[in-house]
Amino acid sequence: MKFNSSTIIGVCLLACISGIICSACKPVRQFDQLEQNARKVVTGAELQAWAVNLLAQHTPSNTRLNPSQFGADFPKALLDLAPDIGPSVYVYEKDDKNYPVACVHINWGSGMLGAAGFEVGPTNFVSLQPSHAWQPGVYFYRR
């Protein structure tokens, strides 16, 4: 069987386009499966222990922090859940209006995908955001 140059070019273009589409879909797939994949690698108790320890050691700043700032304490398995879109960490101070108890947010997201992640605090922390509980003080949200 003989192939002409336009057939070879067409096959190469199709392969390139397919590769681009697959790589562009990877962050979307990771984002869509974030909670179910998180359940496989971390428990609510582990998240809560880390967050409560962080709150005890870190002055809440309401600013974005990089997980690498927390060294070995950060639950490393979370880094691989969706590395193209996060995570970012926010330590929120107590604020009677929005955060009646200080808490930690672990957030993945982008402008096109939205945001998803965890709000974690002590067992008396109750999320005021649309979310669902993993256990008392640990909530997962998707916006």
C-alpha atoms as a PDB file:
ATOM      1  CA  MET A   1       0.000   0.000   0.000  1.00  0.00           C
ATOM      2  CA  LYS A   2       1.333   3.389  -0.986  1.00  0.00           C
ATOM      3  CA  PHE A   3       0.803   6.548   1.027  1.00  0.00           C
ATOM      4  CA  ASN A   4       1.079   9.980  -0.536  1.00  0.00           C
ATOM      5  CA  SER A   5       2.480  12.953   1.336  1.00  0.00           C
ATOM      6  CA  SER A   6      -0.928  14.539   2.018  1.00  0.00           C
ATOM      7  CA  THR A   7      -2.119  11.329   3.737  1.00  0.00           C
ATOM      8  CA  ILE A   8       0.983  11.270   5.935  1.00  0.00           C
ATOM      9  CA  ILE A   9       0.580  14.972   6.766  1.00  0.00           C
ATOM     10  CA  GLY A  10      -3.112  14.418   7.565  1.00  0.00           C
ATOM     11  CA  VAL A  11      -2.325  11.524   9.902  1.00  0.00           C
ATOM     12  CA  CYS A  12       0.382  13.571  11.650  1.00  0.00           C
ATOM     13  CA  LEU A  13      -1.978  16.543  12.075  1.00  0.00           C
ATOM     14  CA  LEU A  14      -4.688  14.276  13.455  1.00  0.00           C
ATOM     15  CA  ALA A  15      -2.224  12.769  15.933  1.00  0.00           C
ATOM     16  CA  CYS A  16      -1.071  16.242  17.051  1.00  0.00           C
ATOM     17  CA  ILE A  17      -4.630  17.516  17.480  1.00  0.00           C
ATOM     18  CA  SER A  18      -5.578  14.392  19.438  1.00  0.00           C
ATOM     19  CA  GLY A  19      -2.586  14.884  21.747  1.00  0.00           C
ATOM     20  CA  ILE A  20      -3.493  18.516  22.341  1.00  0.00           C
ATOM     21  CA  ILE A  21      -7.106  17.639  23.142  1.00  0.00           C
ATOM     22  CA  CYS A  22      -6.068  14.860  25.537  1.00  0.00           C
ATOM     23  CA  SER A  23      -3.608  17.081  27.392  1.00  0.00           C
ATOM     24  CA  ALA A  24      -6.155  19.912  27.599  1.00  0.00           C
ATOM     25  CA  CYS A  25      -8.760  17.539  29.084  1.00  0.00           C
ATOM     26  CA  LYS A  26      -6.453  16.240  31.823  1.00  0.00           C
ATOM     27  CA  PRO A  27      -6.973  19.176  34.243  1.00  0.00           C
ATOM     28  CA  VAL A  28     -10.749  18.992  33.683  1.00  0.00           C
ATOM     29  CA  ARG A  29     -10.771  15.261  34.463  1.00  0.00           C
ATOM     30  CA  GLN A  30      -8.603  15.811  37.565  1.00  0.00           C
ATOM     31  CA  PHE A  31     -10.899  18.607  38.743  1.00  0.00           C
ATOM     32  CA  ASP A  32     -14.070  16.582  38.161  1.00  0.00           C
ATOM     33  CA  GLN A  33     -12.706  13.634  40.158  1.00  0.00           C
ATOM     34  CA  LEU A  34     -11.074  15.700  42.889  1.00  0.00           C
ATOM     35  CA  GLU A  35     -13.232  14.640  45.827  1.00  0.00           C
ATOM     36  CA  GLN A  36     -13.407  10.947  44.948  1.00  0.00           C
ATOM     37  CA  ASN A  37      -9.638  10.836  44.427  1.00  0.00           C
ATOM     38  CA  ALA A  38      -9.045  12.755  47.668  1.00  0.00           C
ATOM     39  CA  ARG A  39     -11.051  10.141  49.580  1.00  0.00           C
ATOM     40  CA  LYS A  40      -8.586   7.515  48.324  1.00  0.00           C
ATOM     41  CA  VAL A  41      -5.498   9.287  49.668  1.00  0.00           C
ATOM     42  CA  VAL A  42      -6.506  11.212  52.794  1.00  0.00           C
ATOM     43  CA  THR A  43      -9.062  10.993  55.578  1.00  0.00           C
ATOM     44  CA  GLY A  44     -10.997  13.793  57.189  1.00  0.00           C
ATOM     45  CA  ALA A  45      -9.161  13.084  60.436  1.00  0.00           C
ATOM     46  CA  GLU A  46      -5.764  13.524  58.734  1.00  0.00           C
ATOM     47  CA  LEU A  47      -6.863  16.817  57.162  1.00  0.00           C
ATOM     48  CA  GLN A  48      -8.222  18.051  60.444  1.00  0.00           C
ATOM     49  CA  ALA A  49      -5.113  17.112  62.429  1.00  0.00           C
ATOM     50  CA  TRP A  50      -2.940  18.964  59.906  1.00  0.00           C
ATOM     51  CA  ALA A  51      -5.216  22.028  59.777  1.00  0.00           C
ATOM     52  CA  VAL A  52      -5.620  22.358  63.555  1.00  0.00           C
ATOM     53  CA  ASN A  53      -1.849  22.068  63.963  1.00  0.00           C
ATOM     54  CA  LEU A  54      -1.369  24.715  61.260  1.00  0.00           C
ATOM     55  CA  LEU A  55      -3.837  27.054  62.968  1.00  0.00           C
ATOM     56  CA  ALA A  56      -1.957  26.649  66.247  1.00  0.00           C
ATOM     57  CA  GLN A  57       1.400  27.501  64.622  1.00  0.00           C
ATOM     58  CA  HIS A  58       0.471  30.019  61.936  1.00  0.00           C
ATOM     59  CA  THR A  59      -1.028  33.463  62.346  1.00  0.00           C
ATOM     60  CA  PRO A  60      -4.098  33.577  60.107  1.00  0.00           C
ATOM     61  CA  SER A  61      -3.478  36.013  57.292  1.00  0.00           C
ATOM     62  CA  ASN A  62      -6.393  35.603  54.844  1.00  0.00           C
ATOM     63  CA  THR A  63      -3.802  35.409  52.070  1.00  0.00           C
ATOM     64  CA  ARG A  64      -2.830  32.663  49.666  1.00  0.00           C
ATOM     65  CA  LEU A  65       0.010  30.419  50.755  1.00  0.00           C
ATOM     66  CA  ASN A  66       1.940  27.807  48.840  1.00  0.00           C
ATOM     67  CA  PRO A  67       1.822  24.247  50.265  1.00  0.00           C
ATOM     68  CA  SER A  68       5.630  24.128  50.091  1.00  0.00           C
ATOM     69  CA  GLN A  69       5.704  26.693  52.933  1.00  0.00           C
ATOM     70  CA  PHE A  70       4.430  24.016  55.299  1.00  0.00           C
ATOM     71  CA  GLY A  71       7.204  21.521  54.665  1.00  0.00           C
ATOM     72  CA  ALA A  72       6.656  17.877  55.548  1.00  0.00           C
ATOM     73  CA  ASP A  73       3.480  18.632  57.471  1.00  0.00           C
ATOM     74  CA  PHE A  74       1.337  19.261  54.379  1.00  0.00           C
ATOM     75  CA  PRO A  75      -0.588  16.128  53.296  1.00  0.00           C
ATOM     76  CA  LYS A  76       1.626  15.304  50.294  1.00  0.00           C
ATOM     77  CA  ALA A  77      -0.977  13.097  48.613  1.00  0.00           C
ATOM     78  CA  LEU A  78      -3.064  16.222  47.972  1.00  0.00           C
ATOM     79  CA  LEU A  79      -0.362  17.680  45.744  1.00  0.00           C
ATOM     80  CA  ASP A  80      -0.882  14.977  43.123  1.00  0.00           C
ATOM     81  CA  LEU A  81      -4.684  15.205  42.895  1.00  0.00           C
ATOM     82  CA  ALA A  82      -4.735  18.008  40.321  1.00  0.00           C
ATOM     83  CA  PRO A  83      -1.251  19.514  40.081  1.00  0.00           C
ATOM     84  CA  ASP A  84      -2.102  21.725  37.093  1.00  0.00           C
ATOM     85  CA  ILE A  85      -4.693  23.691  39.090  1.00  0.00           C
ATOM     86  CA  GLY A  86      -3.551  23.702  42.699  1.00  0.00           C
ATOM     87  CA  PRO A  87      -3.682  23.362  45.552  1.00  0.00           C
ATOM     88  CA  SER A  88      -3.477  26.740  47.210  1.00  0.00           C
ATOM     89  CA  VAL A  89      -3.837  27.123  50.955  1.00  0.00           C
ATOM     90  CA  TYR A  90      -5.548  29.959  52.795  1.00  0.00           C
ATOM     91  CA  VAL A  91      -5.530  30.361  56.571  1.00  0.00           C
ATOM     92  CA  TYR A  92      -8.562  32.421  57.585  1.00  0.00           C
ATOM     93  CA  GLU A  93      -8.769  34.236  60.867  1.00  0.00           C
ATOM     94  CA  LYS A  94     -11.844  34.281  63.036  1.00  0.00           C
ATOM     95  CA  ASP A  95     -14.355  36.770  61.684  1.00  0.00           C
ATOM     96  CA  ASP A  96     -17.801  36.885  63.266  1.00  0.00           C
ATOM     97  CA  LYS A  97     -19.483  37.480  59.913  1.00  0.00           C
ATOM     98  CA  ASN A  98     -17.787  34.994  57.551  1.00  0.00           C
ATOM     99  CA  TYR A  99     -15.687  32.704  59.745  1.00  0.00           C
ATOM    100  CA  PRO A 100     -16.905  32.319  63.320  1.00  0.00           C
ATOM    101  CA  VAL A 101     -13.937  29.975  63.909  1.00  0.00           C
ATOM    102  CA  ALA A 102     -10.498  30.215  62.270  1.00  0.00           C
ATOM    103  CA  CYS A 103     -10.123  27.682  59.464  1.00  0.00           C
ATOM    104  CA  VAL A 104      -7.923  26.500  56.618  1.00  0.00           C
ATOM    105  CA  HIS A 105      -9.001  26.312  52.974  1.00  0.00           C
ATOM    106  CA  ILE A 106      -7.256  23.965  50.560  1.00  0.00           C
ATOM    107  CA  ASN A 107      -8.329  25.110  47.120  1.00  0.00           C
ATOM    108  CA  TRP A 108      -7.996  23.878  43.556  1.00  0.00           C
ATOM    109  CA  GLY A 109      -9.327  25.898  40.669  1.00  0.00           C
ATOM    110  CA  SER A 110      -9.084  28.081  37.644  1.00  0.00           C
ATOM    111  CA  GLY A 111     -11.220  30.737  36.012  1.00  0.00           C
ATOM    112  CA  MET A 112     -12.799  28.292  33.599  1.00  0.00           C
ATOM    113  CA  LEU A 113     -13.247  25.335  35.957  1.00  0.00           C
ATOM    114  CA  GLY A 114     -14.371  27.133  39.074  1.00  0.00           C
ATOM    115  CA  ALA A 115     -13.088  26.200  42.500  1.00  0.00           C
ATOM    116  CA  ALA A 116     -13.250  23.144  44.697  1.00  0.00           C
ATOM    117  CA  GLY A 117     -11.558  22.095  47.864  1.00  0.00           C
ATOM    118  CA  PHE A 118     -11.718  21.715  51.606  1.00  0.00           C
ATOM    119  CA  GLU A 119     -12.597  23.996  54.476  1.00  0.00           C
ATOM    120  CA  VAL A 120     -11.073  22.545  57.619  1.00  0.00           C
ATOM    121  CA  GLY A 121     -11.086  23.631  61.218  1.00  0.00           C
ATOM    122  CA  PRO A 122     -11.594  22.233  64.691  1.00  0.00           C
ATOM    123  CA  THR A 123     -14.627  20.028  65.290  1.00  0.00           C
ATOM    124  CA  ASN A 124     -16.746  23.080  66.196  1.00  0.00           C
ATOM    125  CA  PHE A 125     -16.056  24.718  62.799  1.00  0.00           C
ATOM    126  CA  VAL A 126     -19.155  24.830  60.611  1.00  0.00           C
ATOM    127  CA  SER A 127     -18.790  25.924  57.001  1.00  0.00           C
ATOM    128  CA  LEU A 128     -21.006  28.828  55.999  1.00  0.00           C
ATOM    129  CA  GLN A 129     -20.324  28.097  52.316  1.00  0.00           C
ATOM    130  CA  PRO A 130     -22.335  25.669  50.178  1.00  0.00           C
ATOM    131  CA  SER A 131     -20.500  22.441  50.982  1.00  0.00           C
ATOM    132  CA  HIS A 132     -20.956  19.005  52.499  1.00  0.00           C
ATOM    133  CA  ALA A 133     -19.323  17.513  55.560  1.00  0.00           C
ATOM    134  CA  TRP A 134     -16.750  14.744  55.511  1.00  0.00           C
ATOM    135  CA  GLN A 135     -16.885  14.847  59.309  1.00  0.00           C
ATOM    136  CA  PRO A 136     -17.429  17.583  61.927  1.00  0.00           C
ATOM    137  CA  GLY A 137     -15.091  20.448  61.050  1.00  0.00           C
ATOM    138  CA  VAL A 138     -14.110  19.097  57.587  1.00  0.00           C
ATOM    139  CA  TYR A 139     -16.103  20.178  54.522  1.00  0.00           C
ATOM    140  CA  PHE A 140     -15.729  19.752  50.770  1.00  0.00           C
ATOM    141  CA  TYR A 141     -17.043  22.439  48.431  1.00  0.00           C
ATOM    142  CA  ARG A 142     -17.383  22.928  44.691  1.00  0.00           C
ATOM    143  CA  ARG A 143     -18.290  26.268  43.122  1.00  0.00           C
END
